[in-house]
Protein backbone atom coordinates (compact mmCIF):
# COMPACT_ATOMS: atom_id res chain seq x y z
CA UNK A 1 12.15 35.58 -90.76
CA UNK A 2 12.34 32.97 -87.98
CA UNK A 3 9.71 33.94 -85.41
CA UNK A 4 11.84 32.33 -82.68
CA UNK A 5 14.44 35.04 -83.27
CA UNK A 6 11.78 37.68 -82.63
CA UNK A 7 10.53 35.81 -79.56
CA UNK A 8 14.07 35.73 -78.18
CA UNK A 9 14.58 39.42 -78.95
CA UNK A 10 11.38 40.31 -77.04
CA UNK A 11 12.37 38.17 -74.05
CA UNK A 12 15.74 39.92 -73.79
CA UNK A 13 13.91 43.24 -74.20
CA UNK A 14 11.60 42.33 -71.31
CA UNK A 15 14.26 41.00 -68.92
CA UNK A 16 17.18 43.23 -70.02
CA UNK A 17 19.37 40.23 -69.20
CA UNK A 18 20.61 37.45 -71.51
CA UNK A 19 20.86 34.91 -68.68
CA UNK A 20 17.32 35.48 -67.39
CA UNK A 21 15.97 35.45 -70.94
CA UNK A 22 17.71 32.10 -71.47
CA UNK A 23 16.11 30.67 -68.31
CA UNK A 24 12.65 31.87 -69.36
CA UNK A 25 13.05 30.37 -72.84
CA UNK A 26 14.65 27.13 -71.57
CA UNK A 27 17.75 27.82 -73.64
CA UNK A 28 21.43 28.27 -72.90
CA UNK A 29 22.73 31.82 -72.68
CA UNK A 30 24.98 31.17 -75.68
CA UNK A 31 21.90 30.11 -77.71
CA UNK A 32 20.14 33.34 -76.81
CA UNK A 33 23.18 35.40 -77.76
CA UNK A 34 23.47 33.50 -81.06
CA UNK A 35 19.81 34.15 -81.92
CA UNK A 36 20.16 37.85 -81.20
CA UNK A 37 23.29 38.04 -83.36
CA UNK A 38 21.42 36.25 -86.17
CA UNK A 39 18.59 38.78 -86.00
CA UNK A 40 21.03 41.71 -85.90
CA UNK A 41 22.82 40.27 -88.94
CA UNK A 42 19.55 39.95 -90.88
CA UNK A 43 18.54 43.53 -90.03
CA UNK A 44 21.99 45.05 -90.38
CA UNK A 45 21.80 46.87 -87.04
CA UNK A 46 22.73 46.29 -83.42
CA UNK A 47 19.59 45.83 -81.34
CA UNK A 48 21.13 45.97 -77.86
CA UNK A 49 23.97 47.90 -76.27
CA UNK A 50 25.77 45.35 -74.12
CA UNK A 51 27.56 46.41 -70.98
CA UNK A 52 28.14 44.20 -67.94
CA UNK A 53 24.90 44.13 -65.97
CA UNK A 54 23.29 46.70 -68.26
CA UNK A 55 21.56 45.55 -71.45
CA UNK A 56 19.69 48.37 -73.20
CA UNK A 57 17.82 48.64 -76.48
CA UNK A 58 19.48 50.66 -79.19
CA UNK A 59 17.40 53.07 -81.26
CA UNK A 60 17.04 50.30 -83.87
CA UNK A 61 15.90 47.88 -81.16
CA UNK A 62 13.27 50.32 -79.96
CA UNK A 63 11.97 50.68 -83.51
CA UNK A 64 11.85 46.90 -83.97
CA UNK A 65 9.96 46.13 -80.74
CA UNK A 66 6.40 47.06 -81.83
CA UNK A 67 6.87 45.27 -85.16
CA UNK A 68 8.15 42.14 -83.42
CA UNK A 69 5.15 42.12 -81.09
CA UNK A 70 2.72 42.62 -83.99
CA UNK A 71 4.36 39.89 -86.10
CA UNK A 72 4.17 37.32 -83.30
CA UNK A 73 0.57 38.21 -82.51
CA UNK A 74 -0.40 37.94 -86.20
CA UNK A 75 1.52 34.67 -86.55
CA UNK A 76 -0.32 33.24 -83.56
CA UNK A 77 -3.65 34.21 -85.11
CA UNK A 78 -2.63 32.73 -88.46
CA UNK A 79 -1.61 29.39 -86.92
CA UNK A 80 -4.94 29.13 -85.11
CA UNK A 81 -6.92 30.21 -88.17
CA UNK A 82 -5.22 27.69 -90.44
CA UNK A 83 -5.67 24.95 -87.85
CA UNK A 84 -9.46 25.43 -87.56
CA UNK A 85 -11.23 22.08 -87.56
CA UNK A 86 -14.61 20.72 -88.64
CA UNK A 87 -15.99 21.64 -85.20
CA UNK A 88 -14.25 25.05 -84.99
CA UNK A 89 -14.73 26.77 -88.33
CA UNK A 90 -14.36 30.50 -87.63
CA UNK A 91 -12.18 32.70 -85.45
CA UNK A 92 -12.60 36.20 -84.00
CA UNK A 93 -10.05 38.11 -81.92
CA UNK A 94 -11.36 40.47 -79.24
CA UNK A 95 -9.01 43.00 -77.64
CA UNK A 96 -9.52 44.82 -74.36
CA UNK A 97 -7.49 46.49 -71.65
CA UNK A 98 -6.77 44.03 -68.81
CA UNK A 99 -9.21 45.81 -66.48
CA UNK A 100 -12.13 45.15 -68.84
CA UNK A 101 -11.54 41.40 -68.83
CA UNK A 102 -12.19 41.63 -65.06
CA UNK A 103 -15.39 43.59 -65.57
CA UNK A 104 -18.61 41.93 -64.38
CA UNK A 105 -20.73 40.87 -67.34
CA UNK A 106 -17.91 40.32 -69.85
CA UNK A 107 -17.64 36.56 -69.26
CA UNK A 108 -21.45 36.17 -69.43
CA UNK A 109 -21.48 38.00 -72.77
CA UNK A 110 -18.69 35.78 -74.12
CA UNK A 111 -20.61 32.67 -73.06
CA UNK A 112 -23.76 33.94 -74.79
CA UNK A 113 -21.74 34.45 -77.98
CA UNK A 114 -20.59 30.83 -77.86
CA UNK A 115 -24.21 29.74 -77.38
CA UNK A 116 -25.34 31.82 -80.37
CA UNK A 117 -22.49 30.99 -82.79
CA UNK A 118 -21.61 27.35 -83.31
CA UNK A 119 -18.09 26.51 -84.41
CA UNK A 120 -16.62 29.76 -83.08
CA UNK A 121 -13.06 30.05 -81.80
CA UNK A 122 -12.34 33.24 -79.84
CA UNK A 123 -8.96 34.80 -79.08
CA UNK A 124 -9.21 37.16 -76.09
CA UNK A 125 -6.20 39.47 -75.95
CA UNK A 126 -5.12 42.08 -73.41
CA UNK A 127 -4.27 45.21 -75.38
CA UNK A 128 -3.01 48.51 -73.90
CA UNK A 129 -5.50 51.33 -74.40
CA UNK A 130 -3.03 53.42 -76.41
CA UNK A 131 -2.51 50.54 -78.90
CA UNK A 132 -6.18 49.69 -79.46
CA UNK A 133 -6.88 51.78 -82.57
CA UNK A 134 -3.65 50.66 -84.24
CA UNK A 135 -4.46 46.99 -83.57
CA UNK A 136 -7.90 47.43 -85.11
CA UNK A 137 -6.56 49.23 -88.16
CA UNK A 138 -3.80 46.69 -88.82
CA UNK A 139 -6.37 43.89 -88.37
CA UNK A 140 -4.46 42.13 -85.59
CA UNK A 141 -7.70 42.27 -83.58
CA UNK A 142 -11.23 42.17 -85.01
CA UNK A 143 -13.16 44.02 -82.30
CA UNK A 144 -12.24 45.92 -79.14
CA UNK A 145 -13.94 46.63 -75.81
CA UNK A 146 -13.20 50.13 -74.52
CA UNK A 147 -14.57 53.04 -72.52
CA UNK A 148 -12.91 55.60 -74.84
CA UNK A 149 -13.77 54.76 -78.46
CA UNK A 150 -11.45 56.29 -81.07
CA UNK A 151 -13.01 58.78 -83.46
CA UNK A 152 -11.44 57.43 -86.63
CA UNK A 153 -12.94 56.95 -90.07
CA UNK A 154 -13.52 53.31 -90.99
CA UNK A 155 -14.22 52.30 -87.38
CA UNK A 156 -17.74 51.48 -86.20
CA UNK A 157 -18.72 52.06 -82.55
CA UNK A 158 -21.59 50.62 -80.52
CA UNK A 159 -22.38 51.56 -76.91
CA UNK A 160 -23.21 48.37 -75.01
CA UNK A 161 -23.30 49.23 -71.32
CA UNK A 162 -23.63 52.21 -69.01
CA UNK A 163 -22.19 52.24 -65.51
CA UNK A 164 -20.80 54.59 -62.88
CA UNK A 165 -17.47 55.10 -61.18
CA UNK A 166 -18.11 55.66 -57.47
CA UNK A 167 -15.79 56.93 -54.74
CA UNK A 168 -15.78 54.34 -51.95
CA UNK A 169 -14.00 53.41 -48.73
CA UNK A 170 -14.41 50.79 -46.02
CA UNK A 171 -14.82 53.63 -43.46
CA UNK A 172 -18.57 53.97 -42.85
CA UNK A 173 -20.00 57.49 -42.82
CA UNK A 174 -17.06 59.16 -44.55
CA UNK A 175 -17.56 62.51 -46.27
CA UNK A 176 -15.50 64.66 -48.63
CA UNK A 177 -13.96 66.32 -45.55
CA UNK A 178 -12.40 62.97 -44.58
CA UNK A 179 -10.57 62.40 -47.89
CA UNK A 180 -7.36 64.16 -46.91
CA UNK A 181 -6.75 61.56 -44.19
CA UNK A 182 -7.41 58.54 -46.44
CA UNK A 183 -4.68 57.02 -48.68
CA UNK A 184 -5.63 57.13 -52.36
CA UNK A 185 -6.12 54.13 -54.64
CA UNK A 186 -6.03 55.26 -58.27
CA UNK A 187 -7.61 52.94 -60.83
CA UNK A 188 -6.39 54.22 -64.21
CA UNK A 189 -9.63 54.32 -66.19
CA UNK A 190 -8.44 56.50 -69.05
CA UNK A 191 -7.94 60.10 -70.08
CA UNK A 192 -11.45 61.39 -69.44
CA UNK A 193 -11.53 59.88 -65.96
CA UNK A 194 -8.08 61.29 -65.16
CA UNK A 195 -9.23 64.78 -66.14
CA UNK A 196 -12.35 64.56 -63.98
CA UNK A 197 -10.35 63.05 -61.11
CA UNK A 198 -7.87 65.95 -61.27
CA UNK A 199 -10.72 68.40 -60.55
CA UNK A 200 -11.30 66.90 -57.09
CA UNK A 201 -8.82 68.85 -54.97
CA UNK A 202 -9.08 66.46 -52.01
CA UNK A 203 -7.70 63.62 -54.17
CA UNK A 204 -4.63 65.44 -55.50
CA UNK A 205 -1.96 63.37 -53.73
CA UNK A 206 0.40 60.52 -54.52
CA UNK A 207 -1.62 57.27 -54.62
CA UNK A 208 -0.66 54.41 -52.35
CA UNK A 209 -1.66 52.19 -55.29
CA UNK A 210 -1.84 53.10 -59.00
CA UNK A 211 -3.25 50.20 -60.99
CA UNK A 212 -5.06 49.13 -64.16
CA UNK A 213 -6.70 46.22 -62.31
CA UNK A 214 -10.10 46.82 -60.73
CA UNK A 215 -9.72 43.55 -58.80
CA UNK A 216 -6.41 44.66 -57.28
CA UNK A 217 -7.91 48.04 -56.35
CA UNK A 218 -10.98 46.36 -54.84
CA UNK A 219 -8.90 43.97 -52.71
CA UNK A 220 -6.78 46.83 -51.39
CA UNK A 221 -9.82 48.97 -50.53
CA UNK A 222 -11.48 46.04 -48.73
CA UNK A 223 -8.40 45.32 -46.63
CA UNK A 224 -6.93 48.76 -45.99
CA UNK A 225 -8.06 52.17 -44.81
CA UNK A 226 -8.13 54.00 -48.16
CA UNK A 227 -10.36 55.58 -50.79
CA UNK A 228 -10.75 55.30 -54.57
CA UNK A 229 -13.09 55.31 -57.56
CA UNK A 230 -14.27 51.88 -58.71
CA UNK A 231 -16.90 50.76 -61.27
CA UNK A 232 -20.35 50.20 -59.80
CA UNK A 233 -20.62 46.59 -61.13
CA UNK A 234 -17.31 45.73 -59.40
CA UNK A 235 -18.28 47.13 -55.99
CA UNK A 236 -22.02 46.29 -55.98
CA UNK A 237 -21.69 43.15 -53.86
CA UNK A 238 -19.24 44.75 -51.42
CA UNK A 239 -21.55 47.75 -50.92
CA UNK A 240 -24.57 45.48 -50.47
CA UNK A 241 -22.73 43.47 -47.80
CA UNK A 242 -21.58 46.57 -45.93
CA UNK A 243 -17.90 46.05 -46.76
CA UNK A 244 -17.53 49.30 -48.73
CA UNK A 245 -19.38 52.61 -48.44
CA UNK A 246 -19.79 55.46 -50.94
CA UNK A 247 -18.33 58.80 -49.81
CA UNK A 248 -21.13 61.22 -48.93
CA UNK A 249 -21.14 64.21 -51.28
CA UNK A 250 -18.67 62.70 -53.75
CA UNK A 251 -19.26 63.18 -57.49
CA UNK A 252 -20.36 60.10 -59.45
CA UNK A 253 -18.72 59.69 -62.86
CA UNK A 254 -20.93 58.37 -65.64
CA UNK A 255 -19.18 55.94 -67.96
CA UNK A 256 -20.00 53.58 -70.85
CA UNK A 257 -18.50 50.52 -72.49
CA UNK A 258 -18.23 50.38 -76.28
CA UNK A 259 -17.48 47.77 -78.91
CA UNK A 260 -15.38 49.00 -81.86
CA UNK A 261 -14.64 47.24 -85.17
CA UNK A 262 -13.58 47.98 -88.75
CA UNK A 263 -16.54 48.65 -91.03
CA UNK A 264 -14.69 46.92 -93.90
CA UNK A 265 -13.72 43.83 -91.90
CA UNK A 266 -13.58 40.63 -93.94
CA UNK A 267 -15.41 39.01 -91.00
CA UNK A 268 -18.18 41.61 -90.97
CA UNK A 269 -21.10 39.15 -91.25
CA UNK A 270 -19.70 37.08 -88.38
CA UNK A 271 -18.99 40.20 -86.31
CA UNK A 272 -22.51 41.53 -86.85
CA UNK A 273 -23.99 38.21 -85.74
CA UNK A 274 -21.71 38.16 -82.71
CA UNK A 275 -22.35 41.80 -81.82
CA UNK A 276 -26.11 41.26 -82.01
CA UNK A 277 -25.81 39.13 -78.88
CA UNK A 278 -27.01 41.46 -76.08
CA UNK A 279 -24.25 42.61 -73.77
CA UNK A 280 -26.68 44.23 -71.41
CA UNK A 281 -29.86 46.23 -71.84
CA UNK A 282 -28.23 48.81 -74.11
CA UNK A 283 -27.29 48.33 -77.75
CA UNK A 284 -26.99 51.48 -79.84
CA UNK A 285 -24.61 52.88 -82.42
CA UNK A 286 -22.82 56.18 -81.83
């Protein structure tokens, strides 16, 4: 199958508009329509319902979407793997939710891996939390960074860092009694965090910002009268400089970061060497 057909299908899926998809792909609209028809002919199903100003996926299109994404990701890995040179002889793909790529310490750890492993080519991919286990099992990523490791046979888990989520605001001296008057910033840190957050009655309101980006949440909290939970490594400098203040009496949520990989990975020796590079002061299997 021509991967460009899948790429075009995904662009129309994203934009829900043949003209905008054409602009993004630097094609004519007729070329986009032709590619979609080719793909529909190969699969024997309509992928989009086409009405003026309203392009929607059919049931077949919805079923194809995750496969198309996986095929293109795997094809990208394959092209890079095949193209490895004398100086770059091995490749590892690391997946993480976008918020973890912003996490303090991640880039330092990556740099230490490069220092420890000569000839290494890394692919760093943003992967939605709900897709992480599937991507590990289908081998489209080699190792993941997560705060909620899946409990699945054949997956190995190592805890690499402990940290806290702290409730902060730029309003000095604020207590739990002040929360009802402060707009909420909700950093979506996963299921366990959401459950614990739901137990704080003062925070049960519509957030002014709901985000997966700790950087976006931090910028909003620094510049607006508001309150929200953020990771301690992200807010440490702002608290030290008196730009943010913890809420007096607020619960502190203990969290950890984990690395997860397949125990039968064909890159196991390389992964073990890479994972032996200290992330922080904690390295222990769970």
